[in-house]
Structures are given as structure tokens and as C-alpha cells.
Amino acid sequence: MIVMRHWTILCGGAAVVASLCLSTPSFAATSPVKTTGQTIVMTATAYGPSAEDNYPYAATNYFGQPLTGGDIAVDPSVIPLGSCVAVTGYHSPYLPEGGFIGEADDEEDAIQGDRVDIYLDGSTAAVSSFGIQSVNVTVLGPVSNAAQSGTDACSAYQVTTMVRTTAVRKIKRHKSQMPASKPARPYLTINLNTIPPNIRRR
């Protein structure tokens, strides 16, 4: 059994445009991330709100907060806990098309090295359908640098990552994956054609 943790849907406010580098990185996936802006090719799985996926704990992250769609479990020696990350390259009808910005706020014994576990607010069948995939994970920076009062923890990275073109693709919400007990948060858009100055291939 694989346990998963956390994805925050392209963080926050609806009217902001984000630029992300979608090109394949050239450095080793197991190299510890030391600076903001590095992208790693990682092996991803998914987990959900079920007791089986979160045993012996409830569906909470490393910091004791309730898990939300997009939270990510990581190996802290590779991606520090509390980092905002951009995840792209997956194929799943239960995640935003093109990519999302999430928070690395969970860890698991089975998640080591170049592995991440993505939390899905969905059924057991939806979680199982994700399988094992290769994804690109870009470290945007720590939550402490992004957090603003009353906003999503990583939403500021949508503002500070300036776009250089207006060619964007809308990220659409899959309503079927959102539990009725949690308020829906709008996805932001991702710029698919530019590499912002602060996110370069390493």
C-alpha cells in the first residue's frame, strides 16, 4: 500500500497568470534541491482521504492540518517541507489539465528520494486510477516567502512569477473530485510558452 500526501491547486486567486517551465530538466532526480527554481523529474503516486491511505493518522498533513487537493508528500532531504512546488507532466482527469501549484507539506516512510505522493480529494477508484507516473516538479520557494494574510499559502508565487506573453491555457476544475464539505478554490492559469527569469533549467 502506498500512502500519499498533498496538492494545492495552482494556488489561489483566479485573476492571476502564472509562468512555468515545462521543459525536461537535465540534472539527476535524486540530487537534493538547494535553490529555488530547480526542476526535478520524479516518480509520482496518489493517495486519498480514506483511512487505509492515512493509517494510523487521520487525513492530516505533517503539520497536523487537514489535507486538501494538491497537497504533496515528499522526502524532506530532496524537497524541504513547507515548499511551494509546481507539478506538471502527469495525465489524470482528476487533476487540473497542464499542471498545478501545490505545497509540499507531508512525508511518508515509503516516499524517499525522487518520489512524491499527490493527495487527491476523490474516491478510492479515482486515486487508484492515477497509478505510477513520471512528473516534473519545480521548487518555487518556501511558503514563508509566499504567504499573505487571507490568501492561499502559495498564491503569491502566481504574482511574483511574471509572464512575458499572453498566450495561456485555462486550467479547469474537475468538480467531481472536490468534496462537498470543502469550499472550491479557483485554479489559476499556466503559461505554457515561456520560461520566467527566475526558473531556469539546471
N, C-alpha and C. Protein backbone atom coordinates (compact mmCIF):
# COMPACT_ATOMS: atom_id res chain seq x y z
N MET A 1 0.84 -1.20 0.00
CA MET A 1 0.00 0.00 0.00
C MET A 1 0.87 1.25 0.00
N ILE A 2 0.51 2.17 -0.83
CA ILE A 2 1.25 3.42 -0.92
C ILE A 2 0.41 4.52 -0.29
N VAL A 3 1.00 5.26 0.61
CA VAL A 3 0.29 6.37 1.23
C VAL A 3 0.70 7.67 0.56
N MET A 4 -0.25 8.59 0.37
CA MET A 4 0.08 9.81 -0.33
C MET A 4 -0.17 11.07 0.46
N ARG A 5 0.34 12.16 -0.06
CA ARG A 5 0.07 13.44 0.56
C ARG A 5 0.11 14.59 -0.44
N HIS A 6 -0.72 15.42 -0.69
CA HIS A 6 -0.99 16.83 -0.88
C HIS A 6 -0.76 17.58 -2.18
N TRP A 7 -1.81 18.23 -2.69
CA TRP A 7 -1.67 19.11 -3.86
C TRP A 7 -2.55 20.33 -3.76
N THR A 8 -1.99 21.54 -3.82
CA THR A 8 -2.76 22.77 -3.73
C THR A 8 -2.95 23.31 -5.13
N ILE A 9 -4.15 23.39 -5.59
CA ILE A 9 -4.48 23.62 -6.98
C ILE A 9 -4.00 24.96 -7.50
N LEU A 10 -3.02 24.97 -8.31
CA LEU A 10 -2.44 26.19 -8.84
C LEU A 10 -2.75 27.40 -8.00
N CYS A 11 -2.53 27.24 -6.78
CA CYS A 11 -2.72 28.20 -5.70
C CYS A 11 -3.54 29.45 -5.95
N GLY A 12 -4.65 29.56 -5.31
CA GLY A 12 -5.23 30.85 -5.02
C GLY A 12 -5.97 31.59 -6.09
N GLY A 13 -5.84 32.92 -6.11
CA GLY A 13 -6.65 33.88 -6.85
C GLY A 13 -6.88 33.56 -8.29
N ALA A 14 -8.06 33.90 -8.79
CA ALA A 14 -8.48 33.46 -10.11
C ALA A 14 -7.96 34.35 -11.22
N ALA A 15 -7.61 35.59 -10.93
CA ALA A 15 -7.31 36.55 -12.00
C ALA A 15 -5.83 36.67 -12.30
N VAL A 16 -5.01 35.79 -11.74
CA VAL A 16 -3.57 35.91 -11.90
C VAL A 16 -3.08 34.87 -12.89
N VAL A 17 -2.04 35.21 -13.65
CA VAL A 17 -1.46 34.30 -14.62
C VAL A 17 -0.09 33.84 -14.13
N ALA A 18 0.20 32.56 -14.26
CA ALA A 18 1.49 32.02 -13.81
C ALA A 18 2.29 31.53 -14.99
N SER A 19 3.61 31.70 -14.92
CA SER A 19 4.51 31.17 -15.93
C SER A 19 5.27 30.00 -15.35
N LEU A 20 5.31 28.89 -16.08
CA LEU A 20 6.03 27.72 -15.61
C LEU A 20 6.87 27.14 -16.74
N CYS A 21 8.04 26.63 -16.39
CA CYS A 21 8.89 25.96 -17.37
C CYS A 21 8.44 24.52 -17.48
N LEU A 22 8.04 24.10 -18.70
CA LEU A 22 7.57 22.74 -18.90
C LEU A 22 8.61 21.85 -19.56
N SER A 23 9.82 22.37 -19.81
CA SER A 23 10.83 21.57 -20.48
C SER A 23 11.43 20.55 -19.52
N THR A 24 11.99 19.49 -20.09
CA THR A 24 12.55 18.41 -19.29
C THR A 24 13.90 18.81 -18.71
N PRO A 25 14.09 18.71 -17.40
CA PRO A 25 15.35 19.08 -16.78
C PRO A 25 16.43 18.07 -17.10
N SER A 26 17.69 18.49 -16.93
CA SER A 26 18.80 17.65 -17.34
C SER A 26 19.61 17.11 -16.17
N PHE A 27 19.25 17.47 -14.92
CA PHE A 27 20.06 17.00 -13.82
C PHE A 27 19.42 15.81 -13.13
N ALA A 28 20.18 15.14 -12.27
CA ALA A 28 19.72 13.90 -11.65
C ALA A 28 18.55 14.14 -10.73
N ALA A 29 17.57 13.23 -10.77
CA ALA A 29 16.36 13.39 -9.97
C ALA A 29 16.64 13.23 -8.48
N THR A 30 17.69 12.53 -8.13
CA THR A 30 17.97 12.29 -6.72
C THR A 30 18.83 13.37 -6.08
N SER A 31 19.25 14.37 -6.85
CA SER A 31 20.06 15.45 -6.29
C SER A 31 19.22 16.33 -5.37
N PRO A 32 19.66 16.57 -4.13
CA PRO A 32 18.88 17.42 -3.23
C PRO A 32 18.67 18.81 -3.81
N VAL A 33 17.47 19.34 -3.63
CA VAL A 33 17.17 20.67 -4.11
C VAL A 33 17.77 21.68 -3.13
N LYS A 34 18.64 22.54 -3.63
CA LYS A 34 19.32 23.50 -2.76
C LYS A 34 18.89 24.94 -3.04
N THR A 35 18.34 25.18 -4.23
CA THR A 35 17.95 26.54 -4.57
C THR A 35 16.58 26.56 -5.21
N THR A 36 15.89 27.67 -5.05
CA THR A 36 14.60 27.85 -5.67
C THR A 36 14.74 27.85 -7.18
N GLY A 37 13.76 27.28 -7.86
CA GLY A 37 13.75 27.30 -9.30
C GLY A 37 14.22 26.03 -9.96
N GLN A 38 14.71 25.06 -9.21
CA GLN A 38 15.15 23.81 -9.80
C GLN A 38 13.95 22.92 -10.12
N THR A 39 14.07 22.17 -11.20
CA THR A 39 13.04 21.23 -11.62
C THR A 39 13.61 19.82 -11.58
N ILE A 40 12.82 18.89 -11.06
CA ILE A 40 13.26 17.51 -10.94
C ILE A 40 12.22 16.60 -11.59
N VAL A 41 12.68 15.60 -12.34
CA VAL A 41 11.79 14.56 -12.83
C VAL A 41 11.63 13.54 -11.71
N MET A 42 10.38 13.32 -11.27
CA MET A 42 10.13 12.47 -10.12
C MET A 42 9.06 11.43 -10.44
N THR A 43 9.05 10.36 -9.66
CA THR A 43 8.03 9.33 -9.76
C THR A 43 6.90 9.68 -8.82
N ALA A 44 5.67 9.76 -9.35
CA ALA A 44 4.53 10.20 -8.55
C ALA A 44 3.49 9.09 -8.41
N THR A 45 2.91 9.02 -7.23
CA THR A 45 1.75 8.19 -6.96
C THR A 45 0.70 9.11 -6.33
N ALA A 46 -0.45 8.54 -5.96
CA ALA A 46 -1.51 9.37 -5.38
C ALA A 46 -2.14 8.66 -4.18
N TYR A 47 -2.66 9.45 -3.27
CA TYR A 47 -3.41 8.90 -2.14
C TYR A 47 -4.61 9.78 -1.86
N GLY A 48 -5.57 9.25 -1.11
CA GLY A 48 -6.82 9.97 -0.89
C GLY A 48 -7.18 10.09 0.57
N PRO A 49 -8.45 10.42 0.85
CA PRO A 49 -8.88 10.67 2.22
C PRO A 49 -9.21 9.41 3.02
N SER A 50 -9.11 8.24 2.43
CA SER A 50 -9.52 7.01 3.11
C SER A 50 -8.64 6.72 4.32
N ALA A 51 -9.21 5.98 5.27
CA ALA A 51 -8.46 5.59 6.46
C ALA A 51 -7.28 4.71 6.08
N GLU A 52 -7.45 3.88 5.06
CA GLU A 52 -6.37 2.99 4.63
C GLU A 52 -5.16 3.78 4.14
N ASP A 53 -5.42 4.87 3.40
CA ASP A 53 -4.32 5.68 2.87
C ASP A 53 -3.62 6.50 3.94
N ASN A 54 -4.27 6.73 5.06
CA ASN A 54 -3.71 7.63 6.08
C ASN A 54 -3.44 6.95 7.42
N TYR A 55 -3.57 5.63 7.49
CA TYR A 55 -3.35 4.89 8.73
C TYR A 55 -1.91 5.11 9.24
N PRO A 56 -1.70 5.29 10.54
CA PRO A 56 -2.69 5.30 11.62
C PRO A 56 -3.23 6.69 11.94
N TYR A 57 -3.00 7.65 11.05
CA TYR A 57 -3.44 9.02 11.32
C TYR A 57 -4.68 9.34 10.50
N ALA A 58 -5.33 10.42 10.85
CA ALA A 58 -6.44 10.91 10.04
C ALA A 58 -5.86 11.59 8.80
N ALA A 59 -6.73 12.11 7.94
CA ALA A 59 -6.28 12.76 6.70
C ALA A 59 -5.74 14.15 7.01
N THR A 60 -4.58 14.16 7.66
CA THR A 60 -3.91 15.41 8.01
C THR A 60 -2.48 15.38 7.49
N ASN A 61 -1.91 16.57 7.28
CA ASN A 61 -0.54 16.62 6.79
C ASN A 61 0.47 16.55 7.93
N TYR A 62 1.73 16.73 7.60
CA TYR A 62 2.80 16.64 8.59
C TYR A 62 2.61 17.65 9.72
N PHE A 63 2.00 18.79 9.40
CA PHE A 63 1.83 19.86 10.38
C PHE A 63 0.51 19.76 11.14
N GLY A 64 -0.25 18.67 10.91
CA GLY A 64 -1.50 18.45 11.62
C GLY A 64 -2.70 19.15 11.02
N GLN A 65 -2.55 19.73 9.83
CA GLN A 65 -3.65 20.42 9.17
C GLN A 65 -4.38 19.45 8.24
N PRO A 66 -5.69 19.65 8.02
CA PRO A 66 -6.44 18.77 7.11
C PRO A 66 -5.84 18.80 5.71
N LEU A 67 -5.72 17.64 5.10
CA LEU A 67 -5.23 17.56 3.73
C LEU A 67 -6.25 18.14 2.77
N THR A 68 -5.75 18.82 1.74
CA THR A 68 -6.61 19.35 0.69
C THR A 68 -6.05 18.92 -0.66
N GLY A 69 -6.89 18.97 -1.68
CA GLY A 69 -6.47 18.54 -3.00
C GLY A 69 -5.23 19.27 -3.46
N GLY A 70 -4.19 18.51 -3.82
CA GLY A 70 -2.96 19.13 -4.28
C GLY A 70 -1.84 19.12 -3.27
N ASP A 71 -2.12 18.75 -2.03
CA ASP A 71 -1.04 18.61 -1.05
C ASP A 71 -0.12 17.47 -1.51
N ILE A 72 1.15 17.58 -1.19
CA ILE A 72 2.13 16.63 -1.71
C ILE A 72 3.03 16.12 -0.59
N ALA A 73 3.22 14.80 -0.56
CA ALA A 73 4.17 14.19 0.36
C ALA A 73 5.51 14.06 -0.35
N VAL A 74 6.58 14.44 0.34
CA VAL A 74 7.91 14.45 -0.26
C VAL A 74 8.94 13.86 0.69
N ASP A 75 10.12 13.63 0.18
CA ASP A 75 11.28 13.32 1.00
C ASP A 75 11.90 14.67 1.37
N PRO A 76 11.86 15.06 2.64
CA PRO A 76 12.37 16.39 3.04
C PRO A 76 13.84 16.62 2.71
N SER A 77 14.61 15.55 2.50
CA SER A 77 16.01 15.72 2.14
C SER A 77 16.17 16.12 0.68
N VAL A 78 15.10 15.96 -0.10
CA VAL A 78 15.11 16.33 -1.52
C VAL A 78 14.35 17.63 -1.73
N ILE A 79 13.12 17.69 -1.22
CA ILE A 79 12.30 18.90 -1.28
C ILE A 79 11.92 19.27 0.15
N PRO A 80 12.34 20.40 0.66
CA PRO A 80 12.04 20.77 2.05
C PRO A 80 10.55 20.89 2.30
N LEU A 81 10.11 20.40 3.45
CA LEU A 81 8.72 20.59 3.85
C LEU A 81 8.42 22.08 3.94
N GLY A 82 7.22 22.46 3.54
CA GLY A 82 6.85 23.87 3.53
C GLY A 82 7.21 24.58 2.25
N SER A 83 7.61 23.83 1.23
CA SER A 83 7.93 24.45 -0.07
C SER A 83 6.70 24.51 -0.96
N CYS A 84 6.59 25.58 -1.73
CA CYS A 84 5.60 25.66 -2.80
C CYS A 84 6.23 25.06 -4.05
N VAL A 85 5.49 24.18 -4.72
CA VAL A 85 6.03 23.50 -5.89
C VAL A 85 5.03 23.55 -7.04
N ALA A 86 5.54 23.53 -8.26
CA ALA A 86 4.71 23.40 -9.45
C ALA A 86 4.88 21.99 -9.99
N VAL A 87 3.75 21.33 -10.26
CA VAL A 87 3.77 19.95 -10.74
C VAL A 87 3.16 19.89 -12.13
N THR A 88 3.87 19.33 -13.09
CA THR A 88 3.39 19.21 -14.46
C THR A 88 3.79 17.84 -15.01
N GLY A 89 3.25 17.49 -16.18
CA GLY A 89 3.66 16.28 -16.87
C GLY A 89 2.85 15.05 -16.56
N TYR A 90 1.85 15.14 -15.68
CA TYR A 90 1.02 13.99 -15.34
C TYR A 90 -0.16 13.87 -16.31
N HIS A 91 -0.85 12.74 -16.22
CA HIS A 91 -2.06 12.52 -17.01
C HIS A 91 -3.13 11.98 -16.06
N SER A 92 -4.10 12.83 -15.73
CA SER A 92 -5.17 12.42 -14.82
C SER A 92 -6.36 13.34 -14.99
N PRO A 93 -7.58 12.79 -15.15
CA PRO A 93 -8.78 13.62 -15.25
C PRO A 93 -9.17 14.23 -13.91
N TYR A 94 -8.49 13.82 -12.85
CA TYR A 94 -8.83 14.31 -11.51
C TYR A 94 -7.89 15.42 -11.04
N LEU A 95 -6.98 15.84 -11.89
CA LEU A 95 -6.09 16.96 -11.61
C LEU A 95 -6.23 18.00 -12.70
N PRO A 96 -5.90 19.25 -12.43
CA PRO A 96 -6.02 20.31 -13.45
C PRO A 96 -5.18 19.98 -14.68
N GLU A 97 -5.74 20.22 -15.84
CA GLU A 97 -5.01 19.98 -17.08
C GLU A 97 -3.83 20.94 -17.18
N GLY A 98 -2.66 20.44 -17.47
CA GLY A 98 -1.50 21.29 -17.68
C GLY A 98 -0.60 21.42 -16.48
N GLY A 99 -1.13 21.34 -15.27
CA GLY A 99 -0.30 21.46 -14.08
C GLY A 99 -0.99 22.20 -12.95
N PHE A 100 -0.39 22.16 -11.77
CA PHE A 100 -0.92 22.88 -10.62
C PHE A 100 0.23 23.29 -9.71
N ILE A 101 -0.04 24.25 -8.85
CA ILE A 101 0.92 24.65 -7.82
C ILE A 101 0.43 24.11 -6.49
N GLY A 102 1.28 23.39 -5.81
CA GLY A 102 0.90 22.79 -4.55
C GLY A 102 1.92 23.06 -3.46
N GLU A 103 1.64 22.50 -2.30
CA GLU A 103 2.53 22.68 -1.16
C GLU A 103 3.06 21.33 -0.70
N ALA A 104 4.37 21.24 -0.54
CA ALA A 104 5.00 20.04 0.00
C ALA A 104 4.88 20.09 1.51
N ASP A 105 3.82 19.48 2.04
CA ASP A 105 3.55 19.61 3.48
C ASP A 105 3.31 18.27 4.16
N ASP A 106 3.80 17.20 3.56
CA ASP A 106 3.61 15.88 4.16
C ASP A 106 4.81 15.00 3.84
N GLU A 107 4.97 13.95 4.64
CA GLU A 107 6.02 12.98 4.37
C GLU A 107 5.52 11.60 4.75
N GLU A 108 6.13 10.57 4.17
CA GLU A 108 5.76 9.18 4.43
C GLU A 108 7.02 8.33 4.40
N ASP A 109 6.98 7.22 5.10
CA ASP A 109 8.14 6.33 5.13
C ASP A 109 8.49 5.82 3.74
N ALA A 110 7.45 5.58 2.91
CA ALA A 110 7.68 5.00 1.58
C ALA A 110 8.13 6.03 0.56
N ILE A 111 7.99 7.31 0.87
CA ILE A 111 8.34 8.37 -0.08
C ILE A 111 9.76 8.82 0.20
N GLN A 112 10.69 8.30 -0.59
CA GLN A 112 12.10 8.62 -0.41
C GLN A 112 12.74 8.90 -1.76
N GLY A 113 13.74 9.78 -1.75
CA GLY A 113 14.45 10.10 -2.98
C GLY A 113 13.57 10.83 -3.97
N ASP A 114 13.58 10.35 -5.21
CA ASP A 114 12.88 11.05 -6.29
C ASP A 114 11.42 10.61 -6.41
N ARG A 115 10.73 10.52 -5.29
CA ARG A 115 9.32 10.13 -5.28
C ARG A 115 8.48 11.20 -4.61
N VAL A 116 7.25 11.38 -5.09
CA VAL A 116 6.26 12.24 -4.44
C VAL A 116 4.93 11.51 -4.42
N ASP A 117 4.09 11.87 -3.46
CA ASP A 117 2.75 11.31 -3.34
C ASP A 117 1.77 12.48 -3.38
N ILE A 118 0.84 12.47 -4.31
CA ILE A 118 -0.08 13.59 -4.53
C ILE A 118 -1.43 13.27 -3.92
N TYR A 119 -1.92 14.15 -3.07
CA TYR A 119 -3.21 13.92 -2.43
C TYR A 119 -4.35 14.30 -3.36
N LEU A 120 -5.30 13.38 -3.53
CA LEU A 120 -6.49 13.63 -4.35
C LEU A 120 -7.73 13.57 -3.48
N ASP A 121 -8.56 14.61 -3.53
CA ASP A 121 -9.84 14.58 -2.81
C ASP A 121 -10.85 13.82 -3.66
N GLY A 122 -10.68 12.53 -3.75
CA GLY A 122 -11.56 11.74 -4.60
C GLY A 122 -11.80 10.36 -4.02
N SER A 123 -12.52 9.55 -4.79
CA SER A 123 -12.84 8.19 -4.38
C SER A 123 -11.61 7.30 -4.46
N THR A 124 -11.73 6.12 -3.87
CA THR A 124 -10.64 5.15 -3.95
C THR A 124 -10.33 4.79 -5.39
N ALA A 125 -11.37 4.67 -6.22
CA ALA A 125 -11.18 4.36 -7.63
C ALA A 125 -10.42 5.47 -8.35
N ALA A 126 -10.75 6.72 -8.02
CA ALA A 126 -10.07 7.86 -8.65
C ALA A 126 -8.59 7.88 -8.27
N VAL A 127 -8.32 7.61 -7.01
CA VAL A 127 -6.93 7.59 -6.54
C VAL A 127 -6.15 6.46 -7.21
N SER A 128 -6.77 5.28 -7.27
CA SER A 128 -6.10 4.12 -7.87
C SER A 128 -5.81 4.33 -9.35
N SER A 129 -6.69 5.08 -10.03
CA SER A 129 -6.52 5.28 -11.47
C SER A 129 -5.28 6.09 -11.81
N PHE A 130 -4.73 6.83 -10.85
CA PHE A 130 -3.54 7.62 -11.11
C PHE A 130 -2.34 6.73 -11.40
N GLY A 131 -2.24 5.63 -10.68
CA GLY A 131 -1.14 4.70 -10.90
C GLY A 131 0.20 5.27 -10.51
N ILE A 132 1.22 4.95 -11.30
CA ILE A 132 2.58 5.45 -11.10
C ILE A 132 2.98 6.22 -12.35
N GLN A 133 3.35 7.49 -12.19
CA GLN A 133 3.65 8.34 -13.33
C GLN A 133 4.95 9.12 -13.10
N SER A 134 5.54 9.57 -14.19
CA SER A 134 6.68 10.47 -14.13
C SER A 134 6.18 11.90 -14.26
N VAL A 135 6.59 12.78 -13.34
CA VAL A 135 6.15 14.17 -13.35
C VAL A 135 7.34 15.10 -13.21
N ASN A 136 7.15 16.35 -13.60
CA ASN A 136 8.15 17.40 -13.39
C ASN A 136 7.75 18.23 -12.17
N VAL A 137 8.63 18.36 -11.22
CA VAL A 137 8.36 19.13 -10.01
C VAL A 137 9.35 20.29 -9.94
N THR A 138 8.82 21.52 -9.95
CA THR A 138 9.65 22.72 -9.85
C THR A 138 9.47 23.35 -8.47
N VAL A 139 10.56 23.55 -7.76
CA VAL A 139 10.50 24.17 -6.44
C VAL A 139 10.44 25.68 -6.61
N LEU A 140 9.34 26.29 -6.18
CA LEU A 140 9.14 27.73 -6.34
C LEU A 140 9.72 28.53 -5.18
N GLY A 141 9.73 27.94 -4.00
CA GLY A 141 10.23 28.64 -2.83
C GLY A 141 9.44 28.27 -1.60
N PRO A 142 9.85 28.74 -0.43
CA PRO A 142 9.17 28.39 0.81
C PRO A 142 7.85 29.13 0.98
N VAL A 143 6.92 28.47 1.67
CA VAL A 143 5.63 29.09 1.96
C VAL A 143 5.81 30.39 2.72
N SER A 144 6.81 30.45 3.61
CA SER A 144 7.02 31.64 4.43
C SER A 144 7.28 32.88 3.59
N ASN A 145 7.82 32.69 2.37
CA ASN A 145 8.06 33.82 1.48
C ASN A 145 6.83 34.18 0.66
N ALA A 146 5.84 33.29 0.65
CA ALA A 146 4.69 33.49 -0.23
C ALA A 146 3.44 33.88 0.52
N ALA A 147 3.31 33.42 1.76
CA ALA A 147 2.05 33.55 2.47
C ALA A 147 1.64 35.01 2.65
N GLN A 148 0.37 35.25 2.40
CA GLN A 148 -0.22 36.56 2.63
C GLN A 148 -1.50 36.36 3.42
N SER A 149 -1.81 37.27 4.30
CA SER A 149 -2.98 37.15 5.14
C SER A 149 -4.24 37.02 4.29
N GLY A 150 -5.01 35.96 4.58
CA GLY A 150 -6.28 35.78 3.90
C GLY A 150 -6.18 35.16 2.52
N THR A 151 -4.99 34.73 2.09
CA THR A 151 -4.84 34.13 0.77
C THR A 151 -4.27 32.74 0.88
N ASP A 152 -4.33 32.00 -0.21
CA ASP A 152 -3.73 30.68 -0.25
C ASP A 152 -2.24 30.78 0.02
N ALA A 153 -1.68 29.77 0.66
CA ALA A 153 -0.29 29.82 1.10
C ALA A 153 0.70 30.05 -0.03
N CYS A 154 0.40 29.57 -1.23
CA CYS A 154 1.34 29.67 -2.34
C CYS A 154 0.89 30.65 -3.42
N SER A 155 -0.18 31.37 -3.20
CA SER A 155 -0.74 32.20 -4.26
C SER A 155 0.18 33.33 -4.69
N ALA A 156 1.04 33.80 -3.79
CA ALA A 156 1.93 34.91 -4.15
C ALA A 156 2.89 34.53 -5.27
N TYR A 157 3.18 33.25 -5.41
CA TYR A 157 4.07 32.82 -6.49
C TYR A 157 3.43 33.00 -7.86
N GLN A 158 2.11 33.12 -7.90
CA GLN A 158 1.44 33.42 -9.16
C GLN A 158 1.66 34.87 -9.55
N VAL A 159 1.92 35.70 -8.57
CA VAL A 159 2.11 37.13 -8.82
C VAL A 159 3.57 37.43 -9.12
N THR A 160 4.47 36.83 -8.34
CA THR A 160 5.88 37.17 -8.50
C THR A 160 6.50 36.52 -9.73
N THR A 161 5.90 35.46 -10.24
CA THR A 161 6.38 34.85 -11.47
C THR A 161 5.76 35.59 -12.64
N MET A 162 6.47 36.57 -13.18
CA MET A 162 5.91 37.45 -14.20
C MET A 162 5.85 36.76 -15.56
N VAL A 163 4.77 37.01 -16.30
CA VAL A 163 4.62 36.41 -17.62
C VAL A 163 5.20 37.34 -18.67
N ARG A 164 5.65 36.76 -19.80
CA ARG A 164 6.21 37.54 -20.89
C ARG A 164 5.42 37.35 -22.18
N THR A 165 4.25 36.73 -22.07
CA THR A 165 3.38 36.56 -23.23
C THR A 165 1.96 36.40 -22.74
N THR A 166 0.99 36.64 -23.60
CA THR A 166 -0.40 36.50 -23.20
C THR A 166 -0.98 35.17 -23.66
N ALA A 167 -0.18 34.31 -24.27
CA ALA A 167 -0.65 33.00 -24.72
C ALA A 167 -0.72 32.07 -23.53
N VAL A 168 -1.91 31.81 -23.03
CA VAL A 168 -2.08 30.97 -21.86
C VAL A 168 -3.18 29.96 -22.11
N ARG A 169 -3.20 28.93 -21.29
CA ARG A 169 -4.24 27.93 -21.33
C ARG A 169 -4.98 27.94 -20.00
N LYS A 170 -6.30 27.93 -20.03
CA LYS A 170 -7.08 27.91 -18.81
C LYS A 170 -6.95 26.55 -18.12
N ILE A 171 -6.87 26.58 -16.81
CA ILE A 171 -6.90 25.37 -16.03
C ILE A 171 -8.31 25.19 -15.50
N LYS A 172 -8.96 24.09 -15.84
CA LYS A 172 -10.35 23.89 -15.49
C LYS A 172 -10.47 22.98 -14.27
N ARG A 173 -11.39 23.29 -13.43
CA ARG A 173 -11.63 22.49 -12.24
C ARG A 173 -12.48 21.27 -12.58
N HIS A 174 -12.08 20.12 -12.05
CA HIS A 174 -12.88 18.92 -12.17
C HIS A 174 -13.76 18.85 -10.92
N LYS A 175 -15.02 19.24 -11.05
CA LYS A 175 -15.89 19.34 -9.88
C LYS A 175 -16.08 17.99 -9.19
N SER A 176 -15.98 16.91 -9.95
CA SER A 176 -16.23 15.59 -9.38
C SER A 176 -15.23 15.22 -8.30
N GLN A 177 -14.05 15.84 -8.30
CA GLN A 177 -13.04 15.49 -7.33
C GLN A 177 -13.13 16.33 -6.06
N MET A 178 -13.95 17.37 -6.06
CA MET A 178 -13.99 18.26 -4.91
C MET A 178 -15.08 17.82 -3.94
N PRO A 179 -14.73 17.51 -2.69
CA PRO A 179 -15.73 17.09 -1.72
C PRO A 179 -16.67 18.22 -1.38
N ALA A 180 -17.93 17.87 -1.12
CA ALA A 180 -18.94 18.89 -0.85
C ALA A 180 -18.65 19.66 0.42
N SER A 181 -17.90 19.04 1.34
CA SER A 181 -17.65 19.68 2.63
C SER A 181 -16.57 20.75 2.58
N LYS A 182 -15.86 20.84 1.44
CA LYS A 182 -14.79 21.82 1.33
C LYS A 182 -15.12 22.85 0.27
N PRO A 183 -14.90 24.14 0.54
CA PRO A 183 -15.19 25.17 -0.47
C PRO A 183 -14.25 25.05 -1.66
N ALA A 184 -14.80 25.25 -2.85
CA ALA A 184 -13.98 25.17 -4.06
C ALA A 184 -13.08 26.39 -4.17
N ARG A 185 -11.83 26.16 -4.59
CA ARG A 185 -10.91 27.26 -4.83
C ARG A 185 -10.60 27.31 -6.31
N PRO A 186 -10.60 28.49 -6.91
CA PRO A 186 -10.39 28.58 -8.36
C PRO A 186 -8.96 28.26 -8.73
N TYR A 187 -8.80 27.60 -9.89
CA TYR A 187 -7.47 27.37 -10.43
C TYR A 187 -6.97 28.65 -11.07
N LEU A 188 -5.66 28.80 -11.14
CA LEU A 188 -5.06 29.87 -11.91
C LEU A 188 -4.72 29.32 -13.28
N THR A 189 -4.25 30.20 -14.16
CA THR A 189 -3.80 29.75 -15.47
C THR A 189 -2.30 29.53 -15.45
N ILE A 190 -1.83 28.70 -16.38
CA ILE A 190 -0.39 28.44 -16.51
C ILE A 190 0.04 28.89 -17.89
N ASN A 191 1.15 29.59 -17.93
CA ASN A 191 1.73 29.99 -19.20
C ASN A 191 2.54 28.82 -19.74
N LEU A 192 2.17 28.31 -20.91
CA LEU A 192 2.82 27.13 -21.44
C LEU A 192 3.95 27.44 -22.42
N ASN A 193 4.23 28.72 -22.66
CA ASN A 193 5.15 29.06 -23.73
C ASN A 193 6.40 29.82 -23.31
N THR A 194 6.52 30.17 -22.04
CA THR A 194 7.68 30.95 -21.62
C THR A 194 8.34 30.33 -20.40
N ILE A 195 9.59 30.65 -20.24
CA ILE A 195 10.34 30.28 -19.05
C ILE A 195 10.68 31.57 -18.32
N PRO A 196 10.09 31.81 -17.15
CA PRO A 196 10.36 33.06 -16.43
C PRO A 196 11.81 33.15 -16.01
N PRO A 197 12.31 34.37 -15.80
CA PRO A 197 13.73 34.56 -15.48
C PRO A 197 14.19 33.82 -14.25
N ASN A 198 13.29 33.64 -13.28
CA ASN A 198 13.71 33.03 -12.02
C ASN A 198 13.54 31.51 -12.01
N ILE A 199 13.13 30.91 -13.13
CA ILE A 199 13.01 29.46 -13.20
C ILE A 199 13.73 29.00 -14.45
N ARG A 200 14.96 28.55 -14.31
CA ARG A 200 15.77 28.15 -15.45
C ARG A 200 16.15 26.68 -15.35
N ARG A 201 16.43 26.09 -16.47
CA ARG A 201 16.89 24.71 -16.46
C ARG A 201 18.25 24.62 -15.79
N ARG A 202 18.42 23.58 -15.02
CA ARG A 202 19.69 23.39 -14.31
C ARG A 202 20.39 22.17 -14.88
